[in-house]
Amino acid sequence: MKSFGKGFVFGTIATISAVAGCVYAFKKTVVEPIEEREAILDEHRKRAMRKRRSAHQN
């Protein structure tokens, strides 16, 4: 019974760590590049609005 308990605890910890690793990898490969691209596009929008406003000044 002791070895079952140790195995169960080890298996649970291994499963949780594997899931955490997958979530971290997904965040690094999918979420962060999207956020970086959105930040770049937002900066371009701000720059375009400044140019648009300054072009119509007399």
N, C-alpha and C. Protein backbone atom coordinates (compact mmCIF):
# COMPACT_ATOMS: atom_id res chain seq x y z
N MET A 1 0.81 -1.19 0.00
CA MET A 1 0.00 0.00 0.00
C MET A 1 0.86 1.26 0.00
N LYS A 2 2.06 1.21 0.63
CA LYS A 2 2.94 2.37 0.64
C LYS A 2 3.40 2.73 -0.76
N SER A 3 3.77 1.72 -1.53
CA SER A 3 4.27 2.00 -2.87
C SER A 3 3.15 2.55 -3.76
N PHE A 4 1.91 2.12 -3.53
CA PHE A 4 0.80 2.67 -4.30
C PHE A 4 0.64 4.15 -3.99
N GLY A 5 0.72 4.52 -2.74
CA GLY A 5 0.59 5.93 -2.34
C GLY A 5 1.69 6.78 -2.92
N LYS A 6 2.92 6.28 -2.85
CA LYS A 6 4.04 7.02 -3.43
C LYS A 6 3.89 7.15 -4.94
N GLY A 7 3.48 6.08 -5.58
CA GLY A 7 3.28 6.12 -7.02
C GLY A 7 2.16 7.06 -7.42
N PHE A 8 1.11 7.06 -6.64
CA PHE A 8 -0.02 7.95 -6.93
C PHE A 8 0.40 9.41 -6.79
N VAL A 9 1.11 9.72 -5.73
CA VAL A 9 1.57 11.10 -5.52
C VAL A 9 2.54 11.50 -6.62
N PHE A 10 3.49 10.63 -6.94
CA PHE A 10 4.45 10.94 -7.99
C PHE A 10 3.74 11.12 -9.34
N GLY A 11 2.78 10.26 -9.64
CA GLY A 11 2.03 10.37 -10.89
C GLY A 11 1.24 11.67 -10.96
N THR A 12 0.64 12.05 -9.85
CA THR A 12 -0.12 13.29 -9.82
C THR A 12 0.79 14.49 -10.04
N ILE A 13 1.92 14.50 -9.37
CA ILE A 13 2.88 15.60 -9.54
C ILE A 13 3.42 15.64 -10.97
N ALA A 14 3.71 14.49 -11.53
CA ALA A 14 4.22 14.43 -12.90
C ALA A 14 3.18 14.93 -13.89
N THR A 15 1.93 14.56 -13.67
CA THR A 15 0.86 15.00 -14.57
C THR A 15 0.67 16.51 -14.48
N ILE A 16 0.66 17.03 -13.27
CA ILE A 16 0.49 18.47 -13.09
C ILE A 16 1.65 19.24 -13.72
N SER A 17 2.86 18.74 -13.55
CA SER A 17 4.01 19.43 -14.14
C SER A 17 3.99 19.34 -15.67
N ALA A 18 3.53 18.23 -16.22
CA ALA A 18 3.43 18.11 -17.67
C ALA A 18 2.40 19.07 -18.24
N VAL A 19 1.27 19.19 -17.57
CA VAL A 19 0.24 20.13 -18.02
C VAL A 19 0.75 21.56 -17.92
N ALA A 20 1.45 21.89 -16.82
CA ALA A 20 2.00 23.23 -16.66
C ALA A 20 3.03 23.52 -17.75
N GLY A 21 3.84 22.55 -18.10
CA GLY A 21 4.81 22.73 -19.18
C GLY A 21 4.15 22.97 -20.52
N CYS A 22 3.07 22.25 -20.79
CA CYS A 22 2.34 22.44 -22.05
C CYS A 22 1.71 23.83 -22.11
N VAL A 23 1.14 24.27 -21.00
CA VAL A 23 0.53 25.61 -20.96
C VAL A 23 1.60 26.67 -21.17
N TYR A 24 2.75 26.52 -20.53
CA TYR A 24 3.83 27.48 -20.68
C TYR A 24 4.33 27.51 -22.13
N ALA A 25 4.51 26.36 -22.72
CA ALA A 25 4.98 26.29 -24.11
C ALA A 25 3.97 26.91 -25.06
N PHE A 26 2.69 26.66 -24.84
CA PHE A 26 1.64 27.25 -25.67
C PHE A 26 1.67 28.76 -25.55
N LYS A 27 1.83 29.25 -24.34
CA LYS A 27 1.88 30.70 -24.13
C LYS A 27 3.06 31.31 -24.86
N LYS A 28 4.22 30.67 -24.78
CA LYS A 28 5.42 31.20 -25.42
C LYS A 28 5.34 31.16 -26.94
N THR A 29 4.75 30.11 -27.51
CA THR A 29 4.77 29.95 -28.96
C THR A 29 3.56 30.56 -29.65
N VAL A 30 2.44 30.73 -28.94
CA VAL A 30 1.23 31.22 -29.60
C VAL A 30 0.80 32.58 -29.06
N VAL A 31 0.67 32.71 -27.77
CA VAL A 31 0.07 33.91 -27.19
C VAL A 31 1.01 35.11 -27.26
N GLU A 32 2.25 34.96 -26.86
CA GLU A 32 3.17 36.10 -26.84
C GLU A 32 3.43 36.69 -28.23
N PRO A 33 3.63 35.89 -29.29
CA PRO A 33 3.80 36.51 -30.61
C PRO A 33 2.57 37.30 -31.06
N ILE A 34 1.39 36.82 -30.71
CA ILE A 34 0.17 37.56 -31.06
C ILE A 34 0.12 38.88 -30.32
N GLU A 35 0.46 38.86 -29.03
CA GLU A 35 0.45 40.09 -28.24
C GLU A 35 1.49 41.08 -28.77
N GLU A 36 2.66 40.58 -29.15
CA GLU A 36 3.69 41.46 -29.70
C GLU A 36 3.22 42.08 -31.01
N ARG A 37 2.60 41.30 -31.86
CA ARG A 37 2.10 41.81 -33.14
C ARG A 37 1.01 42.85 -32.91
N GLU A 38 0.13 42.61 -31.94
CA GLU A 38 -0.92 43.59 -31.63
C GLU A 38 -0.31 44.90 -31.14
N ALA A 39 0.75 44.82 -30.35
CA ALA A 39 1.40 46.03 -29.86
C ALA A 39 2.03 46.81 -31.02
N ILE A 40 2.63 46.11 -31.96
CA ILE A 40 3.22 46.77 -33.12
C ILE A 40 2.14 47.44 -33.96
N LEU A 41 1.05 46.72 -34.18
CA LEU A 41 -0.04 47.30 -34.97
C LEU A 41 -0.67 48.50 -34.27
N ASP A 42 -0.77 48.45 -32.96
CA ASP A 42 -1.31 49.57 -32.21
C ASP A 42 -0.41 50.79 -32.35
N GLU A 43 0.90 50.57 -32.30
CA GLU A 43 1.83 51.68 -32.48
C GLU A 43 1.71 52.26 -33.88
N HIS A 44 1.51 51.42 -34.88
CA HIS A 44 1.34 51.91 -36.26
C HIS A 44 0.05 52.72 -36.38
N ARG A 45 -1.01 52.27 -35.71
CA ARG A 45 -2.26 53.04 -35.75
C ARG A 45 -2.08 54.41 -35.12
N LYS A 46 -1.38 54.47 -33.99
CA LYS A 46 -1.13 55.75 -33.34
C LYS A 46 -0.34 56.67 -34.24
N ARG A 47 0.68 56.13 -34.88
CA ARG A 47 1.52 56.93 -35.78
C ARG A 47 0.69 57.43 -36.97
N ALA A 48 -0.17 56.58 -37.50
CA ALA A 48 -1.00 56.99 -38.64
C ALA A 48 -1.98 58.09 -38.22
N MET A 49 -2.53 58.01 -37.03
CA MET A 49 -3.45 59.05 -36.57
C MET A 49 -2.71 60.38 -36.41
N ARG A 50 -1.50 60.36 -35.90
CA ARG A 50 -0.72 61.60 -35.76
C ARG A 50 -0.42 62.20 -37.13
N LYS A 51 -0.06 61.37 -38.09
CA LYS A 51 0.22 61.86 -39.44
C LYS A 51 -1.03 62.43 -40.09
N ARG A 52 -2.16 61.74 -39.88
CA ARG A 52 -3.42 62.21 -40.46
C ARG A 52 -3.81 63.57 -39.90
N ARG A 53 -3.65 63.73 -38.60
CA ARG A 53 -4.00 65.01 -37.98
C ARG A 53 -3.05 66.12 -38.43
N SER A 54 -1.78 65.85 -38.52
CA SER A 54 -0.81 66.90 -38.90
C SER A 54 -0.93 67.24 -40.37
N ALA A 55 -1.40 66.35 -41.20
CA ALA A 55 -1.53 66.64 -42.62
C ALA A 55 -2.65 67.63 -42.90
N HIS A 56 -3.62 67.73 -42.02
CA HIS A 56 -4.75 68.62 -42.25
C HIS A 56 -4.64 69.93 -41.47
N GLN A 57 -3.48 70.20 -40.92
CA GLN A 57 -3.27 71.48 -40.22
C GLN A 57 -2.92 72.53 -41.25
N ASN A 58 -3.42 73.72 -41.08
CA ASN A 58 -3.12 74.82 -42.02
C ASN A 58 -2.05 75.70 -41.50
